[in-house]
């Protein structure tokens, strides 16, 4: 998953807006179009069953 985060530090609320994309290409195309301060990142999920918390 790819995420583009818009940081609007000039608003009173200091808003963060996040857009999620399935492909890197789609994320990059939208990254170019978006205005303001922005961050482009890849989210990598790691799953290790041995480290999961068991609740009884």
PDB file of N, CA and C in Angstrom:
ATOM      1  N   UNK A   1       0.862  -1.166   0.000  1.00  0.00           N
ATOM      2  CA  UNK A   1       0.000   0.000   0.000  1.00  0.00           C
ATOM      3  C   UNK A   1       0.906   1.224   0.000  1.00  0.00           C
ATOM      4  N   UNK A   2       0.478   2.234  -0.725  1.00  0.00           N
ATOM      5  CA  UNK A   2       1.212   3.493  -0.820  1.00  0.00           C
ATOM      6  C   UNK A   2       0.345   4.599  -0.252  1.00  0.00           C
ATOM      7  N   UNK A   3       0.971   5.529   0.451  1.00  0.00           N
ATOM      8  CA  UNK A   3       0.237   6.603   1.114  1.00  0.00           C
ATOM      9  C   UNK A   3       0.854   7.951   0.743  1.00  0.00           C
ATOM     10  N   UNK A   4      -0.018   8.915   0.409  1.00  0.00           N
ATOM     11  CA  UNK A   4       0.397  10.300   0.235  1.00  0.00           C
ATOM     12  C   UNK A   4      -0.258  11.085   1.361  1.00  0.00           C
ATOM     13  N   UNK A   5       0.551  11.782   2.142  1.00  0.00           N
ATOM     14  CA  UNK A   5       0.060  12.562   3.269  1.00  0.00           C
ATOM     15  C   UNK A   5       0.240  14.043   2.966  1.00  0.00           C
ATOM     16  N   UNK A   6      -0.848  14.797   3.080  1.00  0.00           N
ATOM     17  CA  UNK A   6      -0.811  16.247   2.886  1.00  0.00           C
ATOM     18  C   UNK A   6      -0.765  16.892   4.262  1.00  0.00           C
ATOM     19  N   UNK A   7       0.187  17.777   4.455  1.00  0.00           N
ATOM     20  CA  UNK A   7       0.340  18.468   5.732  1.00  0.00           C
ATOM     21  C   UNK A   7      -0.019  19.931   5.522  1.00  0.00           C
ATOM     22  N   UNK A   8      -1.104  20.360   6.147  1.00  0.00           N
ATOM     23  CA  UNK A   8      -1.544  21.744   6.038  1.00  0.00           C
ATOM     24  C   UNK A   8      -1.217  22.453   7.348  1.00  0.00           C
ATOM     25  N   UNK A   9       0.027  22.848   7.505  1.00  0.00           N
ATOM     26  CA  UNK A   9       0.492  23.457   8.749  1.00  0.00           C
ATOM     27  C   UNK A   9       0.017  24.900   8.903  1.00  0.00           C
ATOM     28  N   UNK A  10      -0.527  25.469   7.848  1.00  0.00           N
ATOM     29  CA  UNK A  10      -0.938  26.870   7.905  1.00  0.00           C
ATOM     30  C   UNK A  10      -2.382  27.056   8.324  1.00  0.00           C
ATOM     31  N   UNK A  11      -3.124  25.976   8.499  1.00  0.00           N
ATOM     32  CA  UNK A  11      -4.499  26.088   8.975  1.00  0.00           C
ATOM     33  C   UNK A  11      -4.501  26.104  10.496  1.00  0.00           C
ATOM     34  N   UNK A  12      -5.572  26.549  11.074  1.00  0.00           N
ATOM     35  CA  UNK A  12      -5.673  26.585  12.539  1.00  0.00           C
ATOM     36  C   UNK A  12      -5.655  25.187  13.141  1.00  0.00           C
ATOM     37  N   UNK A  13      -6.157  24.226  12.406  1.00  0.00           N
ATOM     38  CA  UNK A  13      -6.246  22.860  12.915  1.00  0.00           C
ATOM     39  C   UNK A  13      -4.998  22.029  12.636  1.00  0.00           C
ATOM     40  N   UNK A  14      -4.052  22.541  11.841  1.00  0.00           N
ATOM     41  CA  UNK A  14      -2.874  21.775  11.414  1.00  0.00           C
ATOM     42  C   UNK A  14      -3.292  20.411  10.860  1.00  0.00           C
ATOM     43  N   UNK A  15      -4.129  20.432   9.855  1.00  0.00           N
ATOM     44  CA  UNK A  15      -4.721  19.216   9.296  1.00  0.00           C
ATOM     45  C   UNK A  15      -3.710  18.307   8.617  1.00  0.00           C
ATOM     46  N   UNK A  16      -3.941  17.008   8.769  1.00  0.00           N
ATOM     47  CA  UNK A  16      -3.253  15.973   8.011  1.00  0.00           C
ATOM     48  C   UNK A  16      -4.311  15.226   7.215  1.00  0.00           C
ATOM     49  N   UNK A  17      -4.058  15.055   5.925  1.00  0.00           N
ATOM     50  CA  UNK A  17      -4.978  14.305   5.069  1.00  0.00           C
ATOM     51  C   UNK A  17      -4.161  13.197   4.427  1.00  0.00           C
ATOM     52  N   UNK A  18      -4.677  11.961   4.512  1.00  0.00           N
ATOM     53  CA  UNK A  18      -3.960  10.819   3.965  1.00  0.00           C
ATOM     54  C   UNK A  18      -4.771  10.157   2.858  1.00  0.00           C
ATOM     55  N   UNK A  19      -4.086   9.869   1.761  1.00  0.00           N
ATOM     56  CA  UNK A  19      -4.692   9.177   0.629  1.00  0.00           C
ATOM     57  C   UNK A  19      -3.971   7.848   0.461  1.00  0.00           C
ATOM     58  N   UNK A  20      -4.715   6.757   0.356  1.00  0.00           N
ATOM     59  CA  UNK A  20      -4.133   5.426   0.203  1.00  0.00           C
ATOM     60  C   UNK A  20      -4.292   4.950  -1.237  1.00  0.00           C
ATOM     61  N   UNK A  21      -3.249   4.289  -1.751  1.00  0.00           N
ATOM     62  CA  UNK A  21      -3.257   3.767  -3.114  1.00  0.00           C
ATOM     63  C   UNK A  21      -2.709   2.346  -3.105  1.00  0.00           C
ATOM     64  N   UNK A  22      -3.212   1.531  -4.007  1.00  0.00           N
ATOM     65  CA  UNK A  22      -2.770   0.141  -4.087  1.00  0.00           C
ATOM     66  C   UNK A  22      -1.461   0.001  -4.861  1.00  0.00           C
ATOM     67  N   UNK A  23      -1.234   0.870  -5.853  1.00  0.00           N
ATOM     68  CA  UNK A  23      -0.027   0.752  -6.664  1.00  0.00           C
ATOM     69  C   UNK A  23       0.843   1.992  -6.529  1.00  0.00           C
ATOM     70  N   UNK A  24       2.137   1.784  -6.718  1.00  0.00           N
ATOM     71  CA  UNK A  24       3.088   2.891  -6.648  1.00  0.00           C
ATOM     72  C   UNK A  24       2.830   3.888  -7.773  1.00  0.00           C
ATOM     73  N   UNK A  25       2.502   3.389  -8.949  1.00  0.00           N
ATOM     74  CA  UNK A  25       2.250   4.268 -10.101  1.00  0.00           C
ATOM     75  C   UNK A  25       1.080   5.212  -9.833  1.00  0.00           C
ATOM     76  N   UNK A  26      -0.018   4.669  -9.336  1.00  0.00           N
ATOM     77  CA  UNK A  26      -1.194   5.479  -9.022  1.00  0.00           C
ATOM     78  C   UNK A  26      -0.854   6.533  -7.963  1.00  0.00           C
ATOM     79  N   UNK A  27      -0.098   6.149  -6.973  1.00  0.00           N
ATOM     80  CA  UNK A  27       0.288   7.079  -5.900  1.00  0.00           C
ATOM     81  C   UNK A  27       1.171   8.194  -6.445  1.00  0.00           C
ATOM     82  N   UNK A  28       2.140   7.855  -7.281  1.00  0.00           N
ATOM     83  CA  UNK A  28       3.041   8.868  -7.839  1.00  0.00           C
ATOM     84  C   UNK A  28       2.304   9.855  -8.739  1.00  0.00           C
ATOM     85  N   UNK A  29       1.360   9.358  -9.531  1.00  0.00           N
ATOM     86  CA  UNK A  29       0.584  10.246 -10.404  1.00  0.00           C
ATOM     87  C   UNK A  29      -0.200  11.265  -9.584  1.00  0.00           C
ATOM     88  N   UNK A  30      -0.809  10.822  -8.517  1.00  0.00           N
ATOM     89  CA  UNK A  30      -1.575  11.722  -7.662  1.00  0.00           C
ATOM     90  C   UNK A  30      -0.677  12.623  -6.827  1.00  0.00           C
ATOM     91  N   UNK A  31       0.481  12.144  -6.445  1.00  0.00           N
ATOM     92  CA  UNK A  31       1.433  12.933  -5.675  1.00  0.00           C
ATOM     93  C   UNK A  31       1.817  14.200  -6.440  1.00  0.00           C
ATOM     94  N   UNK A  32       2.034  14.048  -7.731  1.00  0.00           N
ATOM     95  CA  UNK A  32       2.417  15.190  -8.572  1.00  0.00           C
ATOM     96  C   UNK A  32       1.296  16.220  -8.631  1.00  0.00           C
ATOM     97  N   UNK A  33       0.055  15.784  -8.661  1.00  0.00           N
ATOM     98  CA  UNK A  33      -1.097  16.678  -8.791  1.00  0.00           C
ATOM     99  C   UNK A  33      -1.448  17.423  -7.516  1.00  0.00           C
ATOM    100  N   UNK A  34      -1.127  16.846  -6.368  1.00  0.00           N
ATOM    101  CA  UNK A  34      -1.537  17.421  -5.089  1.00  0.00           C
ATOM    102  C   UNK A  34      -0.691  18.636  -4.716  1.00  0.00           C
ATOM    103  N   UNK A  35      -1.318  19.585  -4.017  1.00  0.00           N
ATOM    104  CA  UNK A  35      -0.665  20.820  -3.595  1.00  0.00           C
ATOM    105  C   UNK A  35      -0.253  20.740  -2.133  1.00  0.00           C
ATOM    106  N   UNK A  36       0.455  21.765  -1.657  1.00  0.00           N
ATOM    107  CA  UNK A  36       0.903  21.915  -0.267  1.00  0.00           C
ATOM    108  C   UNK A  36       2.064  20.985   0.055  1.00  0.00           C
ATOM    109  N   UNK A  37       2.428  20.945   1.323  1.00  0.00           N
ATOM    110  CA  UNK A  37       3.507  20.068   1.790  1.00  0.00           C
ATOM    111  C   UNK A  37       2.989  18.637   1.770  1.00  0.00           C
ATOM    112  N   UNK A  38       3.784  17.715   1.235  1.00  0.00           N
ATOM    113  CA  UNK A  38       3.306  16.347   1.101  1.00  0.00           C
ATOM    114  C   UNK A  38       4.433  15.352   1.340  1.00  0.00           C
ATOM    115  N   UNK A  39       4.026  14.149   1.744  1.00  0.00           N
ATOM    116  CA  UNK A  39       4.961  13.061   2.022  1.00  0.00           C
ATOM    117  C   UNK A  39       4.475  11.832   1.274  1.00  0.00           C
ATOM    118  N   UNK A  40       5.401  11.134   0.622  1.00  0.00           N
ATOM    119  CA  UNK A  40       5.097   9.925  -0.141  1.00  0.00           C
ATOM    120  C   UNK A  40       5.738   8.752   0.588  1.00  0.00           C
ATOM    121  N   UNK A  41       4.953   7.730   0.924  1.00  0.00           N
ATOM    122  CA  UNK A  41       5.519   6.617   1.682  1.00  0.00           C
ATOM    123  C   UNK A  41       4.884   5.291   1.289  1.00  0.00           C
ATOM    124  N   UNK A  42       5.642   4.232   1.517  1.00  0.00           N
ATOM    125  CA  UNK A  42       5.147   2.881   1.286  1.00  0.00           C
ATOM    126  C   UNK A  42       4.901   2.233   2.641  1.00  0.00           C
ATOM    127  N   UNK A  43       3.758   1.584   2.771  1.00  0.00           N
ATOM    128  CA  UNK A  43       3.411   0.881   3.997  1.00  0.00           C
ATOM    129  C   UNK A  43       3.632  -0.603   3.752  1.00  0.00           C
ATOM    130  N   UNK A  44       4.456  -1.210   4.575  1.00  0.00           N
ATOM    131  CA  UNK A  44       4.744  -2.637   4.449  1.00  0.00           C
ATOM    132  C   UNK A  44       4.221  -3.333   5.697  1.00  0.00           C
ATOM    133  N   UNK A  45       3.367  -4.306   5.486  1.00  0.00           N
ATOM    134  CA  UNK A  45       2.819  -5.068   6.600  1.00  0.00           C
ATOM    135  C   UNK A  45       3.656  -6.321   6.809  1.00  0.00           C
ATOM    136  N   UNK A  46       4.062  -6.541   8.040  1.00  0.00           N
ATOM    137  CA  UNK A  46       4.794  -7.754   8.382  1.00  0.00           C
ATOM    138  C   UNK A  46       3.937  -8.551   9.360  1.00  0.00           C
ATOM    139  N   UNK A  47       3.790  -9.823   9.080  1.00  0.00           N
ATOM    140  CA  UNK A  47       2.969 -10.677   9.937  1.00  0.00           C
ATOM    141  C   UNK A  47       3.809 -11.865  10.364  1.00  0.00           C
ATOM    142  N   UNK A  48       3.976 -12.007  11.649  1.00  0.00           N
ATOM    143  CA  UNK A  48       4.710 -13.132  12.205  1.00  0.00           C
ATOM    144  C   UNK A  48       3.822 -13.775  13.265  1.00  0.00           C
ATOM    145  N   UNK A  49       3.223 -14.929  12.975  1.00  0.00           N
ATOM    146  CA  UNK A  49       2.302 -15.566  13.920  1.00  0.00           C
ATOM    147  C   UNK A  49       2.937 -15.878  15.283  1.00  0.00           C
ATOM    148  N   UNK A  50       4.246 -16.052  15.321  1.00  0.00           N
ATOM    149  CA  UNK A  50       4.912 -16.385  16.573  1.00  0.00           C
ATOM    150  C   UNK A  50       4.903 -15.207  17.543  1.00  0.00           C
ATOM    151  N   UNK A  51       4.736 -13.995  17.047  1.00  0.00           N
ATOM    152  CA  UNK A  51       4.781 -12.819  17.920  1.00  0.00           C
ATOM    153  C   UNK A  51       3.396 -12.246  18.220  1.00  0.00           C
ATOM    154  N   UNK A  52       2.342 -12.901  17.768  1.00  0.00           N
ATOM    155  CA  UNK A  52       1.007 -12.379  18.019  1.00  0.00           C
ATOM    156  C   UNK A  52       0.616 -12.579  19.478  1.00  0.00           C
ATOM    157  N   UNK A  53      -0.213 -11.706  19.973  1.00  0.00           N
ATOM    158  CA  UNK A  53      -0.667 -11.755  21.364  1.00  0.00           C
ATOM    159  C   UNK A  53      -1.925 -12.631  21.447  1.00  0.00           C
ATOM    160  N   UNK A  54      -1.882 -13.624  22.272  1.00  0.00           N
ATOM    161  CA  UNK A  54      -3.032 -14.508  22.471  1.00  0.00           C
ATOM    162  C   UNK A  54      -3.814 -14.010  23.684  1.00  0.00           C
ATOM    163  N   UNK A  55      -5.098 -13.749  23.489  1.00  0.00           N
ATOM    164  CA  UNK A  55      -5.967 -13.289  24.568  1.00  0.00           C
ATOM    165  C   UNK A  55      -6.899 -14.445  24.936  1.00  0.00           C
ATOM    166  N   UNK A  56      -6.923 -14.798  26.222  1.00  0.00           N
ATOM    167  CA  UNK A  56      -7.791 -15.905  26.654  1.00  0.00           C
ATOM    168  C   UNK A  56      -8.944 -15.387  27.447  1.00  0.00           C
TER     169      UNK A  56
END
